[in-house]
Protein backbone atom coordinates (compact mmCIF):
# COMPACT_ATOMS: atom_id res chain seq x y z
CA MET A 1 0.10 0.15 0.09
CA HIS A 2 2.89 2.44 0.71
CA ASN A 3 4.54 2.06 -2.53
CA SER A 4 1.54 2.33 -4.63
CA LEU A 5 0.37 5.54 -2.63
CA TRP A 6 3.87 7.01 -2.80
CA ASP A 7 4.52 5.40 -6.46
CA THR A 8 7.62 3.51 -5.28
CA THR A 9 8.97 0.35 -6.15
CA THR A 10 11.99 -0.15 -3.85
CA ILE A 11 11.79 -2.01 -0.46
CA SER A 12 14.87 -2.27 1.85
CA TYR A 13 16.22 -5.63 2.39
CA THR A 14 14.72 -5.66 5.52
CA GLY A 15 11.66 -4.49 4.74
CA CYS A 16 11.53 -7.27 2.43
CA THR A 17 12.22 -10.36 5.28
CA ALA A 18 9.98 -8.78 7.17
CA GLN A 19 7.31 -8.85 4.59
CA VAL A 20 7.56 -12.38 3.70
CA PHE A 21 7.60 -13.27 7.64
CA PHE A 22 4.53 -11.62 8.00
CA PHE A 23 3.18 -13.29 4.64
CA PHE A 24 3.76 -16.36 5.55
CA PHE A 25 2.75 -16.19 9.34
CA PHE A 26 -0.71 -14.49 8.70
CA ILE A 27 -1.27 -16.69 5.70
CA SER A 28 -0.48 -20.20 7.52
CA ALA A 29 -2.90 -19.04 10.20
CA GLU A 30 -5.68 -18.21 7.98
CA PHE A 31 -5.55 -21.00 7.02
CA SER A 32 -5.65 -22.89 9.54
CA LEU A 33 -8.29 -21.44 11.05
CA LEU A 34 -10.52 -21.70 7.88
CA THR A 35 -9.96 -25.61 8.54
CA ILE A 36 -10.24 -24.93 12.15
CA MET A 37 -14.07 -23.66 11.01
CA CYS A 38 -14.98 -26.69 8.79
CA TYR A 39 -14.44 -28.75 11.84
CA ASP A 40 -16.99 -26.55 13.50
CA ARG A 41 -19.37 -27.01 10.98
CA TYR A 42 -18.70 -30.34 10.66
CA VAL A 43 -19.81 -31.17 14.44
CA ALA A 44 -22.33 -28.79 14.19
CA ILE A 45 -24.23 -30.47 11.34
CA CYS A 46 -23.32 -33.90 12.04
CA LYS A 47 -22.82 -34.03 15.42
CA PRO A 48 -25.05 -31.37 17.39
CA LEU A 49 -25.44 -32.98 20.82
CA HIS A 50 -21.38 -33.37 21.41
CA TYR A 51 -20.52 -29.79 20.18
CA GLY A 52 -20.03 -28.49 23.63
CA THR A 53 -18.04 -31.41 24.65
CA LEU A 54 -15.58 -31.32 20.90
CA LEU A 55 -15.73 -27.44 21.18
CA GLY A 56 -15.81 -26.48 24.39
CA SER A 57 -13.64 -22.74 25.14
CA ARG A 58 -10.96 -25.26 26.28
CA ALA A 59 -10.46 -26.67 23.05
CA CYS A 60 -11.39 -23.57 20.81
CA ALA A 61 -8.50 -21.87 22.73
CA HIS A 62 -5.90 -24.61 21.80
CA MET A 63 -6.97 -25.03 18.69
CA ALA A 64 -6.62 -21.04 17.97
CA ALA A 65 -3.04 -21.62 19.73
CA ALA A 66 -1.91 -24.22 17.68
CA ALA A 67 -3.13 -22.46 14.58
CA TRP A 68 -1.13 -19.00 14.75
CA ALA A 69 1.77 -21.50 16.36
CA THR A 70 1.57 -23.35 13.31
CA GLY A 71 1.71 -19.95 11.20
CA PHE A 72 4.69 -18.54 13.66
CA LEU A 73 6.67 -21.81 12.68
CA ASN A 74 6.34 -22.12 9.03
CA ALA A 75 7.01 -18.41 8.50
CA LEU A 76 10.58 -18.64 10.33
CA LEU A 77 11.17 -22.15 8.74
CA HIS A 78 10.62 -19.97 4.74
CA THR A 79 12.37 -16.76 6.16
CA ALA A 80 15.38 -18.39 7.07
CA SER A 81 15.69 -20.83 4.50
CA THR A 82 15.19 -17.77 1.77
CA PHE A 83 17.37 -14.68 3.11
CA SER A 84 20.05 -17.97 4.23
CA LEU A 85 20.58 -17.90 0.34
CA PRO A 86 23.10 -15.58 -1.50
CA LEU A 87 21.76 -13.60 -3.91
CA CYS A 88 23.60 -12.45 -7.24
CA GLN A 89 20.66 -12.37 -10.24
CA GLY A 90 20.57 -8.99 -9.16
CA ASN A 91 18.18 -7.45 -7.42
CA ALA A 92 14.87 -6.41 -8.88
CA LEU A 93 11.61 -8.58 -8.29
CA GLY A 94 9.05 -9.17 -11.14
CA GLN A 95 6.26 -8.88 -8.67
CA PHE A 96 3.90 -6.30 -6.71
CA PHE A 97 5.51 -7.74 -3.06
CA CYS A 98 8.11 -9.69 -1.96
CA GLU A 99 6.90 -13.66 -3.09
CA ILE A 100 9.41 -15.97 -2.22
CA PRO A 101 9.35 -17.73 -5.95
CA HIS A 102 10.78 -14.74 -7.18
CA ILE A 103 12.84 -14.15 -5.06
CA LEU A 104 14.82 -17.64 -5.46
CA LYS A 105 15.30 -16.62 -9.10
CA LEU A 106 17.70 -14.07 -7.57
CA SER A 107 19.70 -17.15 -5.78
CA CYS A 108 23.23 -18.59 -7.25
CA SER A 109 22.99 -21.10 -4.46
CA HIS A 110 21.51 -24.26 -6.44
CA SER A 111 21.61 -26.61 -3.36
CA GLY A 112 20.00 -23.70 -0.84
CA TYR A 113 17.66 -23.40 -3.67
CA LEU A 114 16.38 -26.91 -3.92
CA ARG A 115 16.56 -27.10 0.02
CA GLU A 116 13.42 -24.10 0.13
CA ILE A 117 11.92 -26.10 -2.90
CA GLY A 118 11.56 -29.13 -0.90
CA LEU A 119 10.35 -27.16 2.48
CA THR A 120 7.57 -25.82 0.34
CA VAL A 121 6.80 -28.61 -1.06
CA VAL A 122 6.08 -30.16 2.30
CA SER A 123 4.20 -26.85 3.13
CA SER A 124 2.20 -27.37 -0.33
CA SER A 125 1.06 -31.03 0.68
CA LEU A 126 0.00 -30.00 4.26
CA ILE A 127 -1.83 -27.40 2.74
CA PHE A 128 -3.60 -29.68 0.37
CA GLY A 129 -4.13 -32.38 3.10
CA GLY A 130 -5.71 -29.88 5.09
CA PHE A 131 -7.54 -28.88 1.86
CA ILE A 132 -8.56 -32.92 1.49
CA PHE A 133 -9.76 -33.03 4.95
CA ILE A 134 -12.21 -29.87 4.26
CA VAL A 135 -13.55 -31.46 1.42
CA PHE A 136 -14.41 -34.82 3.19
CA SER A 137 -16.04 -32.93 6.32
CA TYR A 138 -18.25 -31.08 3.57
CA VAL A 139 -18.95 -34.14 1.77
CA GLN A 140 -19.98 -35.35 5.28
CA ILE A 141 -21.66 -32.31 6.00
CA PHE A 142 -23.76 -32.38 2.75
CA ARG A 143 -25.09 -35.51 3.55
CA ALA A 144 -26.47 -34.68 6.24
CA VAL A 145 -27.80 -31.43 5.18
CA LEU A 146 -29.91 -33.43 2.54
CA ARG A 147 -31.08 -35.19 4.86
CA ILE A 148 -33.05 -32.08 6.91
CA PRO A 149 -36.94 -32.37 6.21
CA SER A 150 -36.94 -28.16 5.63
CA GLN A 151 -36.05 -26.77 2.47
CA GLN A 152 -35.14 -24.24 4.79
CA GLY A 153 -33.02 -25.34 6.70
CA ARG A 154 -31.41 -27.04 4.16
CA HIS A 155 -30.77 -23.80 2.22
CA LYS A 156 -29.34 -21.98 5.38
CA ALA A 157 -26.71 -25.20 5.37
CA PHE A 158 -26.28 -24.52 1.99
CA SER A 159 -25.88 -20.81 1.87
CA THR A 160 -23.24 -21.17 5.05
CA CYS A 161 -21.13 -24.24 4.09
CA LEU A 162 -20.75 -23.40 -0.32
CA PRO A 163 -19.31 -19.72 0.11
CA HIS A 164 -16.57 -21.52 2.62
CA LEU A 165 -15.77 -24.13 0.74
CA ALA A 166 -15.51 -21.79 -2.49
CA VAL A 167 -12.85 -19.45 -0.75
CA VAL A 168 -10.78 -22.03 0.40
CA SER A 169 -10.72 -23.80 -2.60
CA LEU A 170 -9.42 -20.26 -4.30
CA PHE A 171 -7.12 -19.59 -1.83
CA VAL A 172 -5.24 -23.54 -2.07
CA SER A 173 -5.86 -23.97 -5.76
CA THR A 174 -4.06 -20.64 -6.85
CA ALA A 175 -1.94 -20.63 -3.54
CA ILE A 176 -0.55 -23.96 -4.86
CA PHE A 177 -0.05 -23.61 -7.91
CA ALA A 178 1.98 -19.99 -7.91
CA TYR A 179 4.61 -21.85 -5.84
CA LEU A 180 5.05 -25.14 -7.59
CA LYS A 181 4.07 -24.02 -11.30
CA PRO A 182 6.58 -25.13 -13.70
CA PRO A 183 9.02 -22.24 -14.85
CA SER A 184 8.20 -22.84 -18.51
CA ILE A 185 4.99 -21.83 -17.93
CA SER A 186 5.77 -18.96 -16.01
CA SER A 187 5.01 -15.06 -16.95
CA PRO A 188 4.76 -12.13 -15.35
CA SER A 189 0.97 -11.58 -15.97
CA LEU A 190 0.37 -14.75 -14.71
CA ASP A 191 2.22 -14.68 -11.80
CA LEU A 192 0.37 -11.41 -10.86
CA ALA A 193 -3.33 -12.28 -11.46
CA LEU A 194 -2.41 -15.92 -9.30
CA SER A 195 -0.51 -13.86 -6.24
CA VAL A 196 -3.48 -11.24 -6.51
CA LEU A 197 -5.93 -14.55 -6.17
CA TYR A 198 -4.64 -15.72 -3.36
CA SER A 199 -2.98 -13.03 -0.94
CA VAL A 200 -5.65 -10.35 -1.97
CA VAL A 201 -8.95 -11.91 -3.13
CA SER A 202 -9.07 -15.06 -0.54
CA PRO A 203 -8.50 -12.32 2.53
CA ALA A 204 -10.82 -9.63 0.87
CA LEU A 205 -13.59 -11.82 0.57
CA ASN A 206 -13.65 -13.64 4.52
CA PRO A 207 -15.64 -10.82 6.05
CA PHE A 208 -18.40 -10.39 3.49
CA ILE A 209 -18.65 -14.81 4.06
CA TYR A 210 -18.42 -14.72 7.58
CA SER A 211 -18.95 -11.13 9.66
CA LEU A 212 -21.52 -10.12 7.52
CA ARG A 213 -23.85 -12.87 7.84
CA ASN A 214 -24.26 -12.07 11.70
CA GLN A 215 -27.20 -10.38 11.58
CA GLU A 216 -25.94 -7.39 14.36
CA LEU A 217 -22.89 -6.87 12.07
CA ARG A 218 -24.98 -6.05 8.69
CA ASP A 219 -27.20 -4.09 11.31
CA ALA A 220 -24.22 -1.85 12.71
CA LEU A 221 -23.29 -1.39 9.04
CA ARG A 222 -26.25 -0.30 7.79
CA LYS A 223 -26.91 2.14 10.96
CA MET A 224 -22.88 3.06 9.98
CA MET A 225 -23.62 3.81 6.31
CA THR A 226 -26.62 5.91 7.05
CA GLY A 227 -25.14 8.07 9.46
CA CYS A 228 -22.14 8.88 7.09
CA PHE A 229 -25.16 9.55 4.49
CA SER A 230 -26.81 11.62 6.37
CA ALA A 231 -23.38 13.98 7.47
CA ALA A 232 -22.33 14.25 4.21
CA ILE A 233 -25.89 15.45 3.00
CA THR A 234 -25.93 17.89 6.05
CA CYS A 235 -22.66 19.08 5.03
CA LEU A 236 -23.30 19.71 1.19
CA PHE A 237 -26.48 21.54 2.46
CA SER A 238 -24.79 23.95 4.60
CA SER A 239 -22.04 24.35 2.46
CA VAL A 240 -24.89 25.34 -0.70
CA GLN A 241 -26.90 27.54 2.41
CA HIS A 242 -23.15 29.17 3.21
CA SER A 243 -22.65 30.00 -0.55
């Protein structure tokens, strides 16, 4: 955002390191939390009588802590591995942020490059495993939903679950493809599109899918927008009268 506002295309080495660390930290924690949310829906719909036992406050705290710890460990490993490489191919990244595949293109250490690629493959495999768990959970959820006699109940369950599955699918598919795609099909436009999809679009959709389904939040947002609109009209009317 700073580069966009000030029309600059530079970042310091320390800033790039911090950006990679926090990017991996938050994106790893986000996927872990999305997986936990899927488990929450599975228990709520398929095992409602055991919900209080399986997802009590202590269990939720433990899962949240595990999500943030996983994000921290993953970010630390990738950042340490990437920035331990000697960079001798210039300092120009063909991306709008410090993305590891583009940093690796600047490396001249073959062994270090392979180490980070191996770490990326392991991380992608874990993400794909989590995605398989999510899909399997939703298969069980949809089977349970289809047995609901009320059409309104089925519609509510599907409207809650399908957007979550769509965002997770978009995030996983574009992120894994961005990091593991063959160099032969890489192009600046494709790299940019993939990065925007998994790093900008997916997180931006989360508030609309989760928060805005809450009636209290929708009412508060509507009240705030009404207040802003009224204030703008009042200000405009006062300016006209003053003129």
